[in-house]
Protein backbone atom coordinates (compact mmCIF):
# COMPACT_ATOMS: atom_id res chain seq x y z
CA MET A 1 37.38 47.97 165.27
CA ASN A 2 36.53 48.22 168.87
CA PRO A 3 34.82 44.98 170.30
CA GLN A 4 32.18 47.22 171.79
CA ASP A 5 31.33 48.65 168.35
CA VAL A 6 31.15 45.14 166.86
CA THR A 7 28.69 44.12 169.46
CA GLN A 8 26.50 47.33 169.00
CA THR A 9 26.55 46.67 165.21
CA ALA A 10 25.42 43.05 165.65
CA LEU A 11 22.65 43.98 168.00
CA ALA A 12 21.34 46.87 165.86
CA PRO A 13 19.05 44.88 163.57
CA ALA A 14 17.63 43.04 166.51
CA ALA A 15 16.91 46.29 168.27
CA HIS A 16 14.90 47.59 165.34
CA GLY A 17 13.09 44.26 164.78
CA VAL A 18 10.71 43.48 162.01
CA SER A 19 7.57 45.46 161.47
CA PHE A 20 4.89 43.24 160.07
CA ILE A 21 2.72 46.21 159.30
CA GLU A 22 5.54 47.78 157.29
CA LEU A 23 5.83 44.45 155.48
CA PHE A 24 2.25 44.49 154.65
CA LEU A 25 2.16 47.98 153.46
CA GLN A 26 5.15 47.76 151.26
CA ALA A 27 4.11 44.42 149.63
CA SER A 28 2.50 44.48 146.22
CA PRO A 29 -1.31 44.62 145.89
CA THR A 30 -1.51 40.90 145.08
CA VAL A 31 0.43 39.89 148.11
CA GLN A 32 -1.61 42.24 150.20
CA VAL A 33 -4.76 40.45 149.08
CA VAL A 34 -3.16 37.11 149.95
CA MET A 35 -2.07 38.28 153.31
CA SER A 36 -5.48 39.98 154.03
CA GLY A 37 -7.25 36.71 153.02
CA LEU A 38 -5.03 34.47 155.21
CA GLY A 39 -5.40 36.83 158.10
CA LEU A 40 -9.22 36.86 157.90
CA ALA A 41 -9.20 33.05 157.48
CA SER A 42 -7.16 32.73 160.56
CA ILE A 43 -9.38 35.06 162.68
CA TRP A 44 -12.44 33.22 161.57
CA SER A 45 -10.82 29.88 162.23
CA TRP A 46 -10.01 30.82 165.79
CA ALA A 47 -13.50 32.14 166.25
CA ILE A 48 -14.95 28.64 165.15
CA ILE A 49 -12.37 26.88 167.25
CA ILE A 50 -13.39 28.76 170.46
CA GLU A 51 -17.07 28.26 169.70
CA LYS A 52 -16.56 24.48 169.11
CA LEU A 53 -14.45 24.05 172.23
CA ILE A 54 -17.33 25.49 174.32
CA ALA A 55 -19.97 23.53 172.34
CA PHE A 56 -18.17 20.14 172.68
CA ARG A 57 -17.42 20.64 176.33
CA ARG A 58 -21.16 21.60 176.96
CA ALA A 59 -22.23 18.51 175.13
CA ARG A 60 -19.99 16.21 177.18
CA ILE A 61 -21.15 17.86 180.35
CA GLU A 62 -24.81 17.56 179.41
CA ALA A 63 -24.48 13.97 178.35
CA ASP A 64 -22.76 13.00 181.59
CA ARG A 65 -25.35 14.77 183.67
CA PHE A 66 -28.20 13.13 181.80
CA GLU A 67 -26.79 9.66 181.96
CA GLN A 68 -26.42 10.06 185.73
CA THR A 69 -30.12 11.18 186.11
CA PHE A 70 -31.38 8.56 183.65
CA TRP A 71 -29.76 5.72 185.36
CA SER A 72 -30.50 6.90 188.96
CA GLY A 73 -33.79 5.13 188.97
CA GLN A 74 -36.06 8.17 188.36
CA SER A 75 -39.33 7.67 186.57
CA LEU A 76 -39.06 8.10 182.79
CA ASP A 77 -42.18 10.14 182.78
CA GLU A 78 -40.89 12.45 185.57
CA LEU A 79 -37.65 12.89 183.71
CA TYR A 80 -39.48 13.51 180.45
CA ASN A 81 -41.69 16.20 182.01
CA GLY A 82 -38.77 17.96 183.60
CA LEU A 83 -36.68 18.01 180.33
CA SER A 84 -39.50 18.78 177.94
CA ARG A 85 -40.07 22.19 179.46
CA GLY A 86 -36.78 23.72 178.19
CA PRO A 87 -34.28 23.30 175.44
CA THR A 88 -32.18 20.07 175.38
CA ILE A 89 -29.07 19.01 173.53
CA THR A 90 -27.33 15.68 172.61
CA MET A 91 -28.58 12.74 174.84
CA ALA A 92 -31.29 14.67 176.62
CA ALA A 93 -32.67 15.84 173.20
CA LEU A 94 -32.58 12.14 171.96
CA PHE A 95 -34.49 11.02 175.08
CA VAL A 96 -37.14 13.80 174.71
CA ALA A 97 -37.80 13.00 171.05
CA ALA A 98 -38.11 9.31 171.71
CA MET A 99 -40.42 9.72 174.68
CA ARG A 100 -42.58 12.23 172.70
CA GLU A 101 -43.07 9.77 170.01
CA TRP A 102 -43.70 6.96 172.44
CA LYS A 103 -46.34 9.00 174.32
CA ARG A 104 -48.09 10.07 171.08
CA SER A 105 -48.28 6.52 169.93
CA VAL A 106 -49.51 5.02 173.14
CA GLU A 107 -52.04 7.76 173.89
CA GLY A 108 -53.37 7.39 170.35
CA ASN A 109 -54.39 3.80 171.18
CA ILE A 110 -52.51 2.39 168.29
CA ARG A 111 -53.03 -1.27 168.13
CA ALA A 112 -49.91 -2.19 166.15
CA LEU A 113 -47.46 -2.04 168.93
CA GLY A 114 -44.68 -3.34 166.66
CA GLY A 115 -44.89 -0.14 164.58
CA ILE A 116 -44.36 1.90 167.74
CA GLN A 117 -40.72 0.66 168.14
CA LEU A 118 -39.97 1.30 164.53
CA ARG A 119 -41.23 4.94 164.86
CA VAL A 120 -39.35 5.51 167.99
CA GLU A 121 -36.10 4.15 166.48
CA LYS A 122 -36.61 6.25 163.40
CA VAL A 123 -37.14 9.51 165.52
CA MET A 124 -34.03 8.69 167.53
CA ASP A 125 -32.00 8.28 164.24
CA VAL A 126 -33.26 11.52 162.90
CA THR A 127 -32.42 13.33 166.31
CA ILE A 128 -28.92 11.87 166.24
CA SER A 129 -28.35 13.16 162.68
CA ARG A 130 -29.71 16.64 163.73
CA GLU A 131 -27.58 16.82 166.79
CA MET A 132 -24.44 15.73 165.09
CA GLU A 133 -25.05 18.21 162.22
CA ARG A 134 -25.38 20.95 164.75
CA LEU A 135 -22.12 20.06 166.44
CA ASP A 136 -20.20 19.38 163.20
CA ARG A 137 -21.42 22.75 161.65
CA ARG A 138 -18.59 24.94 160.29
CA LEU A 139 -15.94 22.15 160.74
CA LEU A 140 -15.62 22.08 156.95
CA PHE A 141 -14.28 25.53 157.07
CA LEU A 142 -11.46 24.40 159.29
CA ALA A 143 -10.68 21.52 157.00
CA THR A 144 -10.64 23.79 153.98
CA VAL A 145 -8.36 26.44 155.65
CA GLY A 146 -6.01 23.64 156.87
CA SER A 147 -5.65 22.14 153.30
CA THR A 148 -5.58 25.42 151.24
CA ALA A 149 -3.97 28.02 153.45
CA PRO A 150 -0.37 26.75 152.83
CA PHE A 151 -0.79 26.85 149.10
CA VAL A 152 -2.29 30.22 149.22
CA GLY A 153 0.75 31.37 151.25
CA LEU A 154 2.95 29.66 148.80
CA PHE A 155 1.24 31.61 145.95
CA GLY A 156 2.14 34.83 147.78
CA THR A 157 5.72 33.50 148.22
CA VAL A 158 6.17 32.87 144.52
CA TRP A 159 4.66 36.30 143.67
CA GLY A 160 7.01 38.08 146.06
CA ILE A 161 9.97 36.34 144.63
CA MET A 162 8.92 37.22 141.15
CA GLN A 163 8.72 40.81 142.29
CA SER A 164 12.25 40.56 143.63
CA PHE A 165 13.58 39.26 140.25
CA GLN A 166 11.84 42.03 138.52
CA ALA A 167 13.44 44.56 140.88
CA ILE A 168 16.85 43.09 139.97
CA ALA A 169 16.12 43.37 136.36
CA ILE A 170 15.02 46.89 136.57
CA SER A 171 17.83 48.21 138.75
CA LYS A 172 20.42 45.82 137.21
CA ASN A 173 21.65 45.41 140.78
CA THR A 174 21.93 42.06 142.54
CA SER A 175 22.54 43.63 146.01
CA LEU A 176 20.69 42.11 148.93
CA ALA A 177 19.07 45.50 149.55
CA VAL A 178 17.26 45.25 146.26
CA VAL A 179 15.81 41.68 146.74
CA ALA A 180 15.41 41.72 150.51
CA PRO A 181 11.99 43.45 150.63
CA GLY A 182 10.38 41.12 148.17
CA ILE A 183 11.90 38.03 149.84
CA ALA A 184 10.69 39.30 153.20
CA GLU A 185 7.16 39.80 151.86
CA ALA A 186 7.25 36.28 150.39
CA LEU A 187 8.31 34.61 153.65
CA PHE A 188 5.68 36.68 155.63
CA ALA A 189 2.99 35.38 153.28
CA THR A 190 4.28 31.83 153.95
CA ALA A 191 4.26 32.36 157.58
CA LEU A 192 0.57 33.65 157.51
CA GLY A 193 -0.29 30.50 155.51
CA LEU A 194 1.16 28.30 158.15
CA MET A 195 -0.30 30.22 161.02
CA ALA A 196 -3.86 29.76 159.55
CA ALA A 197 -3.36 26.15 158.47
CA ILE A 198 -1.67 24.58 161.57
CA PRO A 199 -4.30 25.45 164.23
CA ALA A 200 -7.07 24.62 161.71
CA VAL A 201 -5.80 21.19 161.04
CA VAL A 202 -4.92 20.39 164.69
CA PHE A 203 -8.39 21.42 166.02
CA TYR A 204 -10.24 19.88 163.04
CA ASN A 205 -8.73 16.56 163.97
CA LYS A 206 -9.58 17.06 167.66
CA PHE A 207 -13.15 18.04 166.99
CA SER A 208 -13.58 15.08 164.60
CA ALA A 209 -12.56 12.73 167.27
CA ASP A 210 -14.77 14.42 169.83
CA SER A 211 -17.71 14.27 167.37
CA ALA A 212 -17.12 10.47 166.76
CA GLN A 213 -17.08 9.84 170.48
CA ILE A 214 -20.35 11.77 171.05
CA SER A 215 -22.04 10.03 168.09
CA GLN A 216 -20.99 6.61 169.50
CA ARG A 217 -22.48 7.60 172.90
CA LEU A 218 -25.71 8.73 171.29
CA GLU A 219 -25.86 5.43 169.27
CA ALA A 220 -25.29 3.31 172.35
CA PHE A 221 -28.07 5.20 174.31
CA ALA A 222 -30.33 4.85 171.39
CA ASP A 223 -29.88 1.09 171.45
CA GLU A 224 -30.45 0.92 175.16
CA PHE A 225 -33.62 3.07 175.02
CA ALA A 226 -34.95 0.84 172.10
CA ALA A 227 -34.45 -2.21 174.28
CA ILE A 228 -36.48 -0.49 177.07
CA VAL A 229 -39.27 0.29 174.49
CA SER A 230 -39.24 -3.27 173.32
CA ARG A 231 -39.77 -4.55 176.93
CA GLN A 232 -42.62 -2.09 177.38
CA ILE A 233 -44.24 -3.30 174.24
CA ASP A 234 -43.92 -6.90 175.39
CA VAL A 235 -45.58 -5.97 178.73
CA ARG A 236 -48.37 -4.14 177.00
CA SER A 237 -49.07 -6.96 174.52
């Protein structure tokens, strides 16, 4: 055979490539359902990933900006009046909630000053829980996809291989042309499962670490503000 013909024959499959749409259309209904579910899970996972990247970045920026303003020496009343006019997140929301409770208690002429600190600390705990719940929302979906998508893809793989063996039994032919379509469908389902699971696991771990870091910052600020409230109570008493 001419060497040029050999080269062309070797390159012919690569030139045609693999059509994933054809693999999907030729798959059995069960494998199609598996592929569709994994595809939708992957799309929704990436939507959550993008939304959380923006949310955590914004939370860090807002926290840094607030800390810089808070420790700049500005009056707490002025800072509260400026922040309470609009929506706040993370550390600013924690400060606004604590100052609101402080002002309500002080302006109410409550004599039990020790109870003020307990109420302020309770409000800060509730605010931290609310802010972290907002940031961690829908992360459970990423964890679920990361842990279950490979097994769902494996189910599609097993089903595709079963279809290949049935094709062999029906045609009584062990040729690769008979089993190749089913095996290709099976491998494609496995690939979709991994494509959905790997980003979900990676970003779930990243967001969990980011969430823990922000939670620690909020807890630290709550302790610092509780100390400020304690000093103010000592001065008033």
